[in-house]
Protein backbone atom coordinates (compact mmCIF):
# COMPACT_ATOMS: atom_id res chain seq x y z
CA UNK A 1 0.12 0.32 0.14
CA UNK A 2 0.75 3.51 -0.83
CA UNK A 3 0.27 6.66 1.44
CA UNK A 4 -3.19 7.00 2.35
CA UNK A 5 -5.79 9.36 -0.45
CA UNK A 6 -5.56 12.01 2.84
CA UNK A 7 -1.84 12.52 2.76
CA UNK A 8 -2.08 13.12 -0.50
CA UNK A 9 -4.27 15.23 -0.82
CA UNK A 10 -3.34 16.95 3.19
CA UNK A 11 -5.06 19.74 4.35
CA UNK A 12 -5.57 23.55 3.56
CA UNK A 13 -4.38 25.84 6.04
CA UNK A 14 -5.82 29.60 6.35
CA UNK A 15 -7.84 31.11 3.50
CA UNK A 16 -6.10 29.18 0.84
CA UNK A 17 -8.09 27.38 -1.86
CA UNK A 18 -6.10 24.25 -1.92
CA UNK A 19 -2.80 23.28 -0.10
CA UNK A 20 -0.06 25.46 -1.03
CA UNK A 21 3.56 23.89 -1.53
CA UNK A 22 7.10 24.60 -2.21
CA UNK A 23 8.98 23.40 -5.16
CA UNK A 24 13.04 23.48 -5.02
CA UNK A 25 15.67 24.21 -7.69
CA UNK A 26 18.43 25.24 -5.33
CA UNK A 27 18.93 28.26 -7.28
CA UNK A 28 22.61 29.67 -7.45
CA UNK A 29 23.51 33.46 -7.76
CA UNK A 30 26.07 35.32 -9.27
CA UNK A 31 28.71 35.37 -6.62
CA UNK A 32 27.51 32.86 -4.06
CA UNK A 33 28.21 29.05 -3.57
CA UNK A 34 26.49 25.40 -3.85
CA UNK A 35 27.02 25.33 -0.35
CA UNK A 36 25.21 29.38 0.39
CA UNK A 37 22.07 27.23 -1.57
CA UNK A 38 21.42 24.14 0.01
CA UNK A 39 21.32 26.53 3.12
CA UNK A 40 19.03 28.30 1.46
CA UNK A 41 16.77 25.37 0.84
CA UNK A 42 17.03 24.14 4.90
CA UNK A 43 16.10 27.56 5.80
CA UNK A 44 13.41 27.36 2.96
CA UNK A 45 11.94 23.88 4.60
CA UNK A 46 11.78 25.16 7.91
CA UNK A 47 10.20 28.17 6.95
CA UNK A 48 7.42 25.91 5.25
CA UNK A 49 6.47 23.72 7.88
CA UNK A 50 6.74 26.25 10.61
CA UNK A 51 3.91 28.35 8.09
CA UNK A 52 1.94 25.42 6.87
CA UNK A 53 3.28 24.57 3.19
CA UNK A 54 1.70 20.87 2.73
CA UNK A 55 4.77 19.63 0.62
CA UNK A 56 8.15 20.46 -0.49
CA UNK A 57 9.46 19.10 -3.20
CA UNK A 58 13.25 19.10 -5.39
CA UNK A 59 14.10 18.86 -8.82
CA UNK A 60 16.47 17.04 -10.53
CA UNK A 61 18.79 18.90 -12.96
CA UNK A 62 22.47 18.04 -14.42
CA UNK A 63 24.94 20.13 -15.72
CA UNK A 64 23.80 23.62 -14.92
CA UNK A 65 25.82 25.93 -12.85
CA UNK A 66 23.16 28.26 -11.45
CA UNK A 67 20.77 24.55 -10.10
CA UNK A 68 22.12 22.22 -7.31
CA UNK A 69 20.13 20.11 -7.24
CA UNK A 70 21.64 17.32 -9.59
CA UNK A 71 21.39 14.72 -6.48
CA UNK A 72 17.67 15.17 -4.95
CA UNK A 73 18.22 11.72 -2.90
CA UNK A 74 20.73 13.53 -0.90
CA UNK A 75 19.31 16.86 -0.45
CA UNK A 76 16.26 15.41 0.67
CA UNK A 77 17.66 13.02 3.46
CA UNK A 78 19.39 16.36 4.66
CA UNK A 79 15.88 18.51 4.63
CA UNK A 80 14.92 15.25 6.17
CA UNK A 81 16.67 15.84 8.79
CA UNK A 82 15.97 19.79 9.41
CA UNK A 83 12.55 19.13 9.72
CA UNK A 84 10.11 16.69 11.71
CA UNK A 85 6.41 17.32 9.37
CA UNK A 86 6.70 18.72 6.42
CA UNK A 87 5.98 15.96 3.32
CA UNK A 88 9.39 15.74 1.15
CA UNK A 89 9.78 14.54 -2.15
CA UNK A 90 11.26 14.36 -5.56
CA UNK A 91 10.15 17.44 -8.30
CA UNK A 92 11.11 15.38 -10.06
CA UNK A 93 13.43 12.54 -10.49
CA UNK A 94 13.34 11.29 -14.29
CA UNK A 95 13.47 7.90 -14.11
CA UNK A 96 15.13 7.23 -17.53
CA UNK A 97 18.38 8.17 -16.21
CA UNK A 98 18.05 6.13 -13.16
CA UNK A 99 17.77 2.03 -12.77
CA UNK A 100 14.62 1.37 -10.99
CA UNK A 101 16.34 -0.59 -8.38
CA UNK A 102 18.16 2.12 -7.73
CA UNK A 103 15.25 5.28 -7.40
CA UNK A 104 13.86 2.09 -4.92
CA UNK A 105 16.50 1.86 -2.48
CA UNK A 106 17.28 5.28 -2.02
CA UNK A 107 13.46 6.73 -1.61
CA UNK A 108 13.31 3.68 0.61
CA UNK A 109 16.16 4.56 2.83
CA UNK A 110 14.62 8.64 2.81
CA UNK A 111 10.60 6.50 3.61
CA UNK A 112 12.70 4.72 6.32
CA UNK A 113 14.60 7.73 8.18
CA UNK A 114 11.46 10.03 7.74
CA UNK A 115 8.06 7.39 7.55
CA UNK A 116 5.06 8.88 5.97
CA UNK A 117 6.61 11.80 4.90
CA UNK A 118 8.44 10.98 1.45
CA UNK A 119 7.03 11.27 -1.93
CA UNK A 120 8.42 9.82 -4.93
CA UNK A 121 7.46 11.93 -8.40
CA UNK A 122 8.85 10.99 -11.52
CA UNK A 123 9.15 12.54 -14.72
CA UNK A 124 10.48 11.05 -18.38
CA UNK A 125 12.21 13.96 -19.56
CA UNK A 126 16.01 13.71 -18.93
CA UNK A 127 16.13 17.35 -17.11
CA UNK A 128 19.15 18.58 -18.94
CA UNK A 129 20.99 18.68 -22.72
CA UNK A 130 21.23 15.28 -24.60
CA UNK A 131 25.34 15.18 -24.61
CA UNK A 132 24.65 15.27 -20.49
CA UNK A 133 22.01 12.72 -20.68
CA UNK A 134 24.11 10.84 -22.62
CA UNK A 135 26.53 10.70 -19.99
CA UNK A 136 24.30 10.32 -17.34
CA UNK A 137 22.34 6.75 -18.85
CA UNK A 138 26.26 5.33 -20.66
CA UNK A 139 24.04 5.68 -24.14
CA UNK A 140 23.40 7.69 -27.44
CA UNK A 141 19.78 6.26 -27.65
CA UNK A 142 18.48 9.09 -25.35
CA UNK A 143 15.10 8.02 -26.86
CA UNK A 144 14.62 4.59 -25.20
CA UNK A 145 14.63 6.21 -21.90
CA UNK A 146 11.69 7.73 -22.72
CA UNK A 147 9.88 5.29 -24.59
CA UNK A 148 10.10 2.33 -21.94
CA UNK A 149 8.87 4.89 -19.30
CA UNK A 150 6.09 2.56 -19.02
CA UNK A 151 7.49 -0.59 -18.32
CA UNK A 152 10.28 0.89 -16.14
CA UNK A 153 7.48 1.93 -13.66
CA UNK A 154 6.00 -1.16 -13.66
CA UNK A 155 9.42 -2.44 -12.21
CA UNK A 156 9.81 0.54 -10.03
CA UNK A 157 6.36 0.15 -8.14
CA UNK A 158 7.53 -3.28 -8.06
CA UNK A 159 10.62 -3.41 -6.09
CA UNK A 160 8.65 -0.52 -4.44
CA UNK A 161 6.04 -2.91 -3.20
CA UNK A 162 8.46 -5.84 -2.87
CA UNK A 163 6.25 -7.71 -4.72
CA UNK A 164 7.68 -9.33 -8.21
CA UNK A 165 5.38 -12.55 -9.12
CA UNK A 166 7.09 -16.18 -9.05
CA UNK A 167 9.20 -17.24 -11.79
CA UNK A 168 10.25 -13.23 -12.90
CA UNK A 169 13.79 -12.72 -12.98
CA UNK A 170 14.01 -10.05 -10.29
CA UNK A 171 11.65 -11.82 -7.92
CA UNK A 172 14.28 -12.36 -5.63
CA UNK A 173 15.90 -8.95 -5.94
CA UNK A 174 14.96 -6.79 -3.25
CA UNK A 175 15.31 -3.02 -2.62
CA UNK A 176 16.42 -2.15 0.72
CA UNK A 177 15.43 -0.99 3.02
CA UNK A 178 11.88 -1.96 1.45
CA UNK A 179 8.12 -1.25 2.50
CA UNK A 180 7.77 -0.50 6.33
CA UNK A 181 5.57 -3.04 7.96
CA UNK A 182 2.88 -1.42 10.46
CA UNK A 183 0.06 -2.73 13.05
CA UNK A 184 -2.84 -1.22 13.41
CA UNK A 185 -4.64 -1.20 17.23
CA UNK A 186 -6.46 -3.82 15.83
CA UNK A 187 -3.74 -6.08 14.83
CA UNK A 188 -4.05 -5.62 11.03
CA UNK A 189 -0.39 -5.78 9.49
CA UNK A 190 0.09 -3.01 6.00
CA UNK A 191 3.08 -1.74 4.89
CA UNK A 192 3.89 1.52 3.62
CA UNK A 193 5.95 3.08 0.88
CA UNK A 194 5.92 6.23 -0.79
CA UNK A 195 3.50 7.25 -3.13
CA UNK A 196 4.19 7.68 -6.62
CA UNK A 197 3.43 10.68 -8.78
CA UNK A 198 3.98 10.65 -12.35
CA UNK A 199 5.13 14.84 -13.44
CA UNK A 200 4.81 15.90 -17.58
CA UNK A 201 4.05 18.69 -19.18
CA UNK A 202 1.99 17.58 -22.01
CA UNK A 203 -0.53 14.86 -22.65
CA UNK A 204 1.98 11.78 -22.52
CA UNK A 205 2.23 11.46 -18.61
CA UNK A 206 -1.05 12.87 -17.66
CA UNK A 207 -2.78 9.75 -19.71
CA UNK A 208 -1.00 7.39 -17.78
CA UNK A 209 -0.99 9.22 -14.54
CA UNK A 210 -5.01 8.64 -14.86
CA UNK A 211 -5.08 4.95 -16.54
CA UNK A 212 -3.20 4.15 -13.67
CA UNK A 213 -5.05 6.41 -10.98
CA UNK A 214 -2.69 8.33 -9.84
CA UNK A 215 -1.84 11.56 -8.76
CA UNK A 216 -0.47 13.93 -11.13
CA UNK A 217 1.90 17.33 -10.69
CA UNK A 218 1.93 18.92 -14.31
CA UNK A 219 5.19 22.04 -14.38
CA UNK A 220 2.82 24.73 -15.52
CA UNK A 221 5.75 26.95 -14.97
CA UNK A 222 7.50 26.13 -18.19
CA UNK A 223 4.68 24.94 -20.41
CA UNK A 224 1.46 26.48 -19.70
CA UNK A 225 -0.07 27.14 -22.99
CA UNK A 226 -0.62 23.00 -21.91
CA UNK A 227 -1.74 23.30 -18.64
CA UNK A 228 -6.00 23.31 -19.23
CA UNK A 229 -5.66 20.72 -22.21
CA UNK A 230 -2.86 18.52 -19.47
CA UNK A 231 -5.19 17.89 -16.46
CA UNK A 232 -8.51 18.10 -18.79
CA UNK A 233 -6.54 14.68 -20.62
CA UNK A 234 -5.85 13.14 -16.90
CA UNK A 235 -8.88 13.92 -15.27
CA UNK A 236 -10.97 12.30 -18.75
CA UNK A 237 -8.66 9.30 -18.27
CA UNK A 238 -8.30 8.71 -14.42
CA UNK A 239 -9.42 4.82 -13.40
CA UNK A 240 -9.91 5.22 -9.51
CA UNK A 241 -7.13 2.61 -7.76
CA UNK A 242 -6.17 1.64 -4.47
CA UNK A 243 -4.41 5.42 -4.33
CA UNK A 244 -6.94 7.12 -5.77
CA UNK A 245 -10.30 7.80 -5.86
CA UNK A 246 -10.95 10.73 -7.53
CA UNK A 247 -8.72 12.65 -9.63
CA UNK A 248 -5.59 14.71 -7.69
CA UNK A 249 -3.40 17.43 -9.70
CA UNK A 250 -0.95 19.65 -8.30
CA UNK A 251 0.58 22.43 -10.30
CA UNK A 252 4.08 23.80 -10.35
CA UNK A 253 3.28 27.73 -10.35
CA UNK A 254 6.33 30.15 -10.88
CA UNK A 255 5.32 33.08 -8.27
CA UNK A 256 7.54 35.59 -6.63
CA UNK A 257 6.33 38.47 -4.13
CA UNK A 258 8.13 41.48 -2.60
CA UNK A 259 7.25 44.29 -0.35
CA UNK A 260 7.40 46.22 -3.71
CA UNK A 261 6.43 46.22 -7.00
CA UNK A 262 9.47 47.05 -8.63
CA UNK A 263 11.40 44.99 -7.06
CA UNK A 264 9.44 41.93 -8.54
CA UNK A 265 9.81 43.06 -12.07
CA UNK A 266 13.61 43.32 -11.31
CA UNK A 267 13.92 40.34 -9.71
CA UNK A 268 12.14 38.11 -12.62
CA UNK A 269 14.13 40.01 -15.10
CA UNK A 270 17.14 38.33 -13.73
CA UNK A 271 15.68 35.57 -13.81
CA UNK A 272 14.55 35.56 -17.17
CA UNK A 273 18.15 36.43 -18.69
CA UNK A 274 19.29 33.16 -16.61
CA UNK A 275 16.96 31.79 -18.76
CA UNK A 276 17.73 33.20 -22.34
CA UNK A 277 21.11 32.35 -21.49
CA UNK A 278 19.88 29.06 -20.55
CA UNK A 279 17.99 28.32 -23.60
CA UNK A 280 20.74 29.83 -25.91
CA UNK A 281 23.37 26.84 -24.07
CA UNK A 282 24.97 29.57 -22.25
CA UNK A 283 23.77 28.27 -18.80
CA UNK A 284 25.73 29.60 -15.89
CA UNK A 285 24.70 31.33 -12.18
CA UNK A 286 21.80 33.54 -11.79
CA UNK A 287 22.59 36.48 -12.52
CA UNK A 288 22.15 39.95 -10.29
CA UNK A 289 19.09 42.35 -10.49
CA UNK A 290 21.45 44.82 -11.42
CA UNK A 291 23.24 42.75 -14.01
CA UNK A 292 20.35 42.32 -15.88
CA UNK A 293 19.35 46.19 -16.24
CA UNK A 294 22.38 46.79 -17.73
CA UNK A 295 22.34 43.83 -19.89
CA UNK A 296 21.22 44.51 -23.78
CA UNK A 297 18.92 42.49 -24.61
CA UNK A 298 18.17 41.62 -27.90
CA UNK A 299 15.01 42.13 -29.77
CA UNK A 300 14.23 37.62 -29.92
CA UNK A 301 15.68 38.22 -26.75
CA UNK A 302 13.43 40.97 -25.32
CA UNK A 303 10.57 39.28 -26.66
CA UNK A 304 11.47 36.47 -24.98
CA UNK A 305 11.85 37.35 -21.57
CA UNK A 306 8.13 39.04 -21.95
CA UNK A 307 6.47 36.09 -22.96
CA UNK A 308 8.39 34.04 -20.24
CA UNK A 309 7.59 36.66 -17.39
CA UNK A 310 3.89 36.40 -18.98
CA UNK A 311 4.09 33.13 -16.50
CA UNK A 312 5.28 34.43 -13.55
CA UNK A 313 3.12 35.68 -11.26
CA UNK A 314 5.04 38.14 -9.52
CA UNK A 315 4.31 41.73 -7.72
CA UNK A 316 3.08 42.82 -4.47
CA UNK A 317 1.96 39.92 -2.25
CA UNK A 318 -1.73 41.22 -3.01
CA UNK A 319 -1.44 40.78 -6.86
CA UNK A 320 0.44 37.34 -6.45
CA UNK A 321 -2.35 36.09 -4.12
CA UNK A 322 -5.15 37.23 -7.17
CA UNK A 323 -3.19 35.70 -9.58
CA UNK A 324 -2.56 32.61 -7.48
CA UNK A 325 -6.20 32.66 -6.61
CA UNK A 326 -7.38 32.94 -10.63
CA UNK A 327 -5.03 30.63 -11.81
CA UNK A 328 -6.99 27.84 -9.29
CA UNK A 329 -9.97 28.96 -10.69
CA UNK A 330 -9.45 28.37 -14.37
CA UNK A 331 -7.65 25.20 -13.51
CA UNK A 332 -9.28 23.41 -11.14
CA UNK A 333 -5.90 22.74 -9.76
CA UNK A 334 -6.32 20.75 -6.40
CA UNK A 335 -2.97 21.82 -5.08
CA UNK A 336 -0.83 24.26 -6.00
CA UNK A 337 3.05 24.06 -5.68
CA UNK A 338 5.16 27.17 -6.29
CA UNK A 339 8.77 28.26 -7.59
CA UNK A 340 10.04 31.43 -6.19
CA UNK A 341 13.82 31.95 -8.38
CA UNK A 342 15.65 34.89 -7.93
CA UNK A 343 19.10 35.90 -7.44
CA UNK A 344 19.24 36.24 -3.98
CA UNK A 345 17.94 33.61 -1.02
CA UNK A 346 16.58 36.06 1.07
CA UNK A 347 14.54 37.20 -1.46
CA UNK A 348 13.02 33.85 -2.02
CA UNK A 349 12.12 33.22 1.67
CA UNK A 350 10.64 36.42 1.57
CA UNK A 351 8.30 35.91 -0.93
CA UNK A 352 7.00 32.81 0.86
CA UNK A 353 6.84 34.74 3.88
CA UNK A 354 4.50 37.35 2.82
CA UNK A 355 2.39 34.40 0.77
CA UNK A 356 1.73 32.56 4.11
CA UNK A 357 0.59 35.54 5.30
CA UNK A 358 -1.40 36.57 2.74
CA UNK A 359 -3.42 32.98 3.18
CA UNK A 360 -3.14 33.31 7.08
CA UNK A 361 -0.81 30.24 7.39
CA UNK A 362 -0.01 29.02 10.60
CA UNK A 363 2.43 31.42 12.18
CA UNK A 364 5.78 29.47 13.72
């Protein structure tokens, strides 16, 4: 058995229409180090827990100097040692980059460290460029991993549940630590392991999540034009399962609140410059707002920045709350997972504090 539907759904605190959560890319700003970024992650996880955010996920990326989240399981173990209640998970682990047994062992270990608090979010994209993906997989046939995703998922699920059938070549192989055994007050024994989520930015994982009756997380923060079609497909495809009796859709949202509207524009423009460089094969550290102000954007770059920032909910906290509420109503999302990208960790922390205050989330 996985986590119960109630554990997946969580509860809404304050005046937020749905649970609010945190997506951390562990961004590294210019003049800062990965150590600085990881220390910010600890502070942010503690803040998220104390203010009533439901879950805290870390994304897998590779070969990006400004994103220090290449090893989600390692980071999550560190965060588990500094928190006590908030759910921790991957948003996500890129399944084609890893052997299913390795992921089952890593997340079984995390579940043993923090029982009942671990989510396993899975994606089918590489989380990097083609050359880096080939280095990760030791293969130039990158499409094989994506095309085999349903089979890899089925194998991973078997390892998590420790239930390969008799005669299977992996029947005598066990992911250790495995499912946690529990006994109810009535003496009924059951096992528990991290719930699996599928992540996506198109229709493939939306449909697969629905058919398997799994919770679904959509990357609205970089694929906004596909959000509603993907969520519609997920809900139309949904079949009740042991995990969920009804669809549950989370969306990732770029959101940054500041005390001053002008400062919000400065911060998101710097983050957009970072994306310009990434998309043109020049990944680096997240630039400062001052660097972005001094940068001479070409017409093509300016067009990209305007398009990118049109999907970032930013401004004063009242503007951000209004934008989040509107997005939730338009999409019908069951949970909003907020990622606030900025050069400074202090700016990110302040943004989540402001949003928590706006929704009346509990104070520490």
